Amino acid sequence: MDKKPFIPHPIDTSNVELPDEVKQLIEQLARQVHEQWAMGRLAEGWTYGAERNDELKKHPHLIDYDDLPESEKDYDRNTAVATLKLIMQLGWSIKKEQ
């Protein structure tokens, strides 16, 4: 049985502009994305290693978010922004309780 190649079709959020009050969430969500990723890796037996080694389950980014290279923080921030934009594109609103 021949399978067709997977072609992603994400919901277009290019027209969504995040309000300033929602932009405040980006860094908190990015930190949470990293924490969740790290928890998953640790649960699978991965540990810190200066270089990534899949066979030995070593990863250089199993460190505190604050110590990540800026490029890795940007990866997590992009995930946060994409998630926030999707929430808004789907008609949900985000409001901080006072």
N, C-alpha and C. Protein backbone atom coordinates (compact mmCIF):
# COMPACT_ATOMS: atom_id res chain seq x y z
N MET A 1 0.84 -1.18 0.00
CA MET A 1 0.00 0.00 0.00
C MET A 1 0.88 1.25 0.00
N ASP A 2 0.73 2.08 -1.00
CA ASP A 2 1.51 3.33 -1.10
C ASP A 2 0.85 4.41 -0.26
N LYS A 3 1.66 5.04 0.55
CA LYS A 3 1.17 6.16 1.35
C LYS A 3 1.56 7.45 0.66
N LYS A 4 0.66 8.40 0.68
CA LYS A 4 0.97 9.72 0.17
C LYS A 4 1.86 10.44 1.18
N PRO A 5 2.74 11.29 0.68
CA PRO A 5 3.57 12.04 1.63
C PRO A 5 2.70 12.98 2.47
N PHE A 6 3.08 13.14 3.71
CA PHE A 6 2.36 14.04 4.60
C PHE A 6 2.61 15.48 4.18
N ILE A 7 1.53 16.20 3.99
CA ILE A 7 1.62 17.62 3.66
C ILE A 7 0.85 18.39 4.73
N PRO A 8 1.56 19.13 5.58
CA PRO A 8 0.87 19.86 6.65
C PRO A 8 -0.03 20.96 6.11
N HIS A 9 -1.15 21.16 6.78
CA HIS A 9 -2.10 22.22 6.43
C HIS A 9 -2.52 22.95 7.71
N PRO A 10 -1.60 23.70 8.31
CA PRO A 10 -1.98 24.40 9.55
C PRO A 10 -2.98 25.51 9.25
N ILE A 11 -3.76 25.84 10.26
CA ILE A 11 -4.70 26.95 10.14
C ILE A 11 -3.90 28.23 9.96
N ASP A 12 -4.31 29.04 9.00
CA ASP A 12 -3.60 30.29 8.71
C ASP A 12 -3.86 31.31 9.82
N THR A 13 -2.82 31.72 10.48
CA THR A 13 -2.94 32.73 11.53
C THR A 13 -2.15 33.99 11.18
N SER A 14 -1.78 34.12 9.93
CA SER A 14 -0.93 35.24 9.52
C SER A 14 -1.61 36.59 9.71
N ASN A 15 -2.93 36.61 9.79
CA ASN A 15 -3.65 37.88 9.96
C ASN A 15 -3.90 38.22 11.43
N VAL A 16 -3.46 37.37 12.34
CA VAL A 16 -3.70 37.59 13.77
C VAL A 16 -2.58 38.44 14.35
N GLU A 17 -2.96 39.54 14.95
CA GLU A 17 -2.01 40.42 15.65
C GLU A 17 -2.28 40.24 17.14
N LEU A 18 -1.27 39.84 17.87
CA LEU A 18 -1.45 39.63 19.30
C LEU A 18 -1.52 40.98 20.02
N PRO A 19 -2.55 41.18 20.84
CA PRO A 19 -2.61 42.41 21.64
C PRO A 19 -1.44 42.46 22.62
N ASP A 20 -1.05 43.65 23.02
CA ASP A 20 0.09 43.81 23.93
C ASP A 20 -0.07 43.00 25.21
N GLU A 21 -1.29 42.97 25.76
CA GLU A 21 -1.47 42.24 27.02
C GLU A 21 -1.29 40.73 26.84
N VAL A 22 -1.55 40.23 25.64
CA VAL A 22 -1.34 38.81 25.37
C VAL A 22 0.15 38.55 25.09
N LYS A 23 0.82 39.51 24.51
CA LYS A 23 2.25 39.36 24.24
C LYS A 23 3.04 39.12 25.53
N GLN A 24 2.50 39.57 26.65
CA GLN A 24 3.16 39.37 27.93
C GLN A 24 3.26 37.89 28.29
N LEU A 25 2.42 37.07 27.70
CA LEU A 25 2.41 35.63 27.98
C LEU A 25 3.51 34.87 27.25
N ILE A 26 4.06 35.44 26.21
CA ILE A 26 4.96 34.69 25.33
C ILE A 26 6.13 34.08 26.09
N GLU A 27 6.81 34.87 26.90
CA GLU A 27 7.99 34.34 27.61
C GLU A 27 7.59 33.28 28.64
N GLN A 28 6.46 33.49 29.31
CA GLN A 28 6.00 32.50 30.28
C GLN A 28 5.63 31.19 29.59
N LEU A 29 4.96 31.29 28.46
CA LEU A 29 4.61 30.09 27.71
C LEU A 29 5.84 29.41 27.14
N ALA A 30 6.79 30.19 26.66
CA ALA A 30 8.02 29.61 26.12
C ALA A 30 8.76 28.83 27.20
N ARG A 31 8.81 29.39 28.38
CA ARG A 31 9.45 28.70 29.50
C ARG A 31 8.71 27.39 29.80
N GLN A 32 7.40 27.44 29.77
CA GLN A 32 6.59 26.24 30.03
C GLN A 32 6.78 25.19 28.95
N VAL A 33 6.88 25.61 27.70
CA VAL A 33 7.15 24.68 26.60
C VAL A 33 8.46 23.94 26.86
N HIS A 34 9.49 24.68 27.26
CA HIS A 34 10.78 24.06 27.55
C HIS A 34 10.67 23.10 28.73
N GLU A 35 10.00 23.52 29.78
CA GLU A 35 9.86 22.68 30.98
C GLU A 35 9.13 21.37 30.64
N GLN A 36 8.07 21.47 29.85
CA GLN A 36 7.31 20.26 29.46
C GLN A 36 8.17 19.34 28.59
N TRP A 37 8.91 19.93 27.66
CA TRP A 37 9.79 19.14 26.80
C TRP A 37 10.83 18.42 27.66
N ALA A 38 11.45 19.17 28.59
CA ALA A 38 12.49 18.60 29.43
C ALA A 38 11.93 17.48 30.32
N MET A 39 10.75 17.69 30.87
CA MET A 39 10.14 16.64 31.69
C MET A 39 9.94 15.37 30.89
N GLY A 40 9.48 15.52 29.65
CA GLY A 40 9.27 14.36 28.79
C GLY A 40 10.58 13.63 28.51
N ARG A 41 11.61 14.39 28.20
CA ARG A 41 12.92 13.78 27.94
C ARG A 41 13.44 13.05 29.17
N LEU A 42 13.37 13.71 30.32
CA LEU A 42 13.86 13.09 31.56
C LEU A 42 13.09 11.81 31.87
N ALA A 43 11.78 11.84 31.64
CA ALA A 43 10.96 10.65 31.89
C ALA A 43 11.35 9.49 30.97
N GLU A 44 11.90 9.82 29.80
CA GLU A 44 12.35 8.81 28.84
C GLU A 44 13.79 8.37 29.12
N GLY A 45 14.38 8.89 30.18
CA GLY A 45 15.73 8.48 30.55
C GLY A 45 16.86 9.34 30.01
N TRP A 46 16.52 10.46 29.39
CA TRP A 46 17.55 11.35 28.88
C TRP A 46 18.20 12.11 30.03
N THR A 47 19.46 12.47 29.85
CA THR A 47 20.18 13.30 30.81
C THR A 47 20.96 14.36 30.04
N TYR A 48 21.50 15.31 30.81
CA TYR A 48 22.29 16.37 30.18
C TYR A 48 23.58 15.78 29.60
N GLY A 49 23.94 16.30 28.44
CA GLY A 49 25.23 16.00 27.83
C GLY A 49 25.66 17.20 27.02
N ALA A 50 26.93 17.50 27.02
CA ALA A 50 27.43 18.68 26.30
C ALA A 50 27.11 18.62 24.82
N GLU A 51 27.01 17.40 24.27
CA GLU A 51 26.63 17.20 22.88
C GLU A 51 25.48 16.22 22.82
N ARG A 52 24.59 16.42 21.87
CA ARG A 52 23.47 15.51 21.73
C ARG A 52 23.96 14.14 21.26
N ASN A 53 23.44 13.10 21.92
CA ASN A 53 23.77 11.73 21.56
C ASN A 53 22.51 10.90 21.79
N ASP A 54 21.80 10.60 20.68
CA ASP A 54 20.54 9.89 20.79
C ASP A 54 20.72 8.48 21.36
N GLU A 55 21.80 7.84 21.02
CA GLU A 55 22.05 6.48 21.50
C GLU A 55 22.21 6.45 23.03
N LEU A 56 22.94 7.43 23.55
CA LEU A 56 23.18 7.50 25.00
C LEU A 56 22.13 8.35 25.73
N LYS A 57 21.19 8.91 24.96
CA LYS A 57 20.14 9.77 25.50
C LYS A 57 20.73 10.95 26.28
N LYS A 58 21.61 11.66 25.60
CA LYS A 58 22.22 12.87 26.16
C LYS A 58 21.76 14.07 25.34
N HIS A 59 21.47 15.18 25.99
CA HIS A 59 21.01 16.36 25.27
C HIS A 59 21.53 17.63 25.94
N PRO A 60 22.11 18.54 25.15
CA PRO A 60 22.69 19.76 25.73
C PRO A 60 21.66 20.79 26.20
N HIS A 61 20.40 20.60 25.85
CA HIS A 61 19.39 21.58 26.25
C HIS A 61 18.57 21.14 27.46
N LEU A 62 19.02 20.10 28.12
CA LEU A 62 18.38 19.72 29.38
C LEU A 62 18.99 20.57 30.50
N ILE A 63 18.71 21.86 30.39
CA ILE A 63 19.21 22.87 31.32
C ILE A 63 18.08 23.85 31.58
N ASP A 64 18.28 24.71 32.55
CA ASP A 64 17.29 25.73 32.89
C ASP A 64 17.04 26.63 31.67
N TYR A 65 15.81 27.04 31.50
CA TYR A 65 15.42 27.91 30.39
C TYR A 65 16.32 29.14 30.28
N ASP A 66 16.62 29.75 31.43
CA ASP A 66 17.44 30.97 31.43
C ASP A 66 18.83 30.74 30.86
N ASP A 67 19.30 29.50 30.91
CA ASP A 67 20.64 29.17 30.42
C ASP A 67 20.67 28.69 28.97
N LEU A 68 19.51 28.58 28.35
CA LEU A 68 19.44 28.14 26.95
C LEU A 68 20.05 29.19 26.02
N PRO A 69 20.61 28.75 24.90
CA PRO A 69 21.02 29.72 23.88
C PRO A 69 19.79 30.48 23.37
N GLU A 70 19.98 31.69 22.96
CA GLU A 70 18.86 32.51 22.48
C GLU A 70 18.11 31.83 21.33
N SER A 71 18.82 31.10 20.48
CA SER A 71 18.17 30.41 19.36
C SER A 71 17.17 29.37 19.85
N GLU A 72 17.46 28.70 20.95
CA GLU A 72 16.54 27.71 21.51
C GLU A 72 15.35 28.39 22.19
N LYS A 73 15.62 29.50 22.87
CA LYS A 73 14.52 30.26 23.45
C LYS A 73 13.58 30.75 22.35
N ASP A 74 14.15 31.18 21.23
CA ASP A 74 13.32 31.63 20.11
C ASP A 74 12.45 30.51 19.57
N TYR A 75 12.98 29.30 19.53
CA TYR A 75 12.19 28.14 19.09
C TYR A 75 10.97 27.98 20.00
N ASP A 76 11.18 28.06 21.32
CA ASP A 76 10.08 27.94 22.27
C ASP A 76 9.13 29.13 22.18
N ARG A 77 9.68 30.33 21.97
CA ARG A 77 8.83 31.52 21.82
C ARG A 77 7.95 31.40 20.57
N ASN A 78 8.51 30.89 19.48
CA ASN A 78 7.73 30.72 18.25
C ASN A 78 6.59 29.75 18.47
N THR A 79 6.83 28.70 19.24
CA THR A 79 5.75 27.76 19.57
C THR A 79 4.66 28.47 20.37
N ALA A 80 5.07 29.29 21.33
CA ALA A 80 4.11 30.03 22.15
C ALA A 80 3.29 30.99 21.29
N VAL A 81 3.96 31.74 20.43
CA VAL A 81 3.26 32.71 19.57
C VAL A 81 2.28 31.98 18.65
N ALA A 82 2.71 30.89 18.05
CA ALA A 82 1.83 30.13 17.16
C ALA A 82 0.61 29.62 17.90
N THR A 83 0.79 29.18 19.13
CA THR A 83 -0.32 28.69 19.93
C THR A 83 -1.29 29.81 20.28
N LEU A 84 -0.76 30.94 20.72
CA LEU A 84 -1.61 32.08 21.06
C LEU A 84 -2.39 32.58 19.84
N LYS A 85 -1.72 32.65 18.70
CA LYS A 85 -2.40 33.11 17.48
C LYS A 85 -3.50 32.13 17.06
N LEU A 86 -3.25 30.85 17.21
CA LEU A 86 -4.28 29.86 16.86
C LEU A 86 -5.48 30.01 17.76
N ILE A 87 -5.25 30.16 19.05
CA ILE A 87 -6.35 30.33 20.01
C ILE A 87 -7.22 31.51 19.58
N MET A 88 -6.59 32.61 19.23
CA MET A 88 -7.35 33.80 18.84
C MET A 88 -8.02 33.60 17.47
N GLN A 89 -7.34 32.96 16.53
CA GLN A 89 -7.93 32.71 15.21
C GLN A 89 -9.18 31.84 15.33
N LEU A 90 -9.21 30.95 16.31
CA LEU A 90 -10.35 30.06 16.51
C LEU A 90 -11.50 30.74 17.26
N GLY A 91 -11.32 32.02 17.59
CA GLY A 91 -12.41 32.78 18.19
C GLY A 91 -12.36 32.87 19.70
N TRP A 92 -11.33 32.34 20.31
CA TRP A 92 -11.19 32.43 21.76
C TRP A 92 -10.52 33.74 22.11
N SER A 93 -10.78 34.19 23.32
CA SER A 93 -10.07 35.38 23.81
C SER A 93 -9.29 35.00 25.06
N ILE A 94 -8.29 35.76 25.33
CA ILE A 94 -7.46 35.53 26.50
C ILE A 94 -7.50 36.80 27.34
N LYS A 95 -7.88 36.62 28.58
CA LYS A 95 -8.03 37.77 29.47
C LYS A 95 -7.44 37.43 30.82
N LYS A 96 -6.60 38.30 31.32
CA LYS A 96 -6.00 38.09 32.63
C LYS A 96 -7.00 38.55 33.70
N GLU A 97 -7.20 37.68 34.67
CA GLU A 97 -8.07 38.05 35.79
C GLU A 97 -7.29 38.99 36.71
N GLN A 98 -7.93 40.03 37.15
CA GLN A 98 -7.28 41.03 38.00
C GLN A 98 -7.22 40.57 39.42
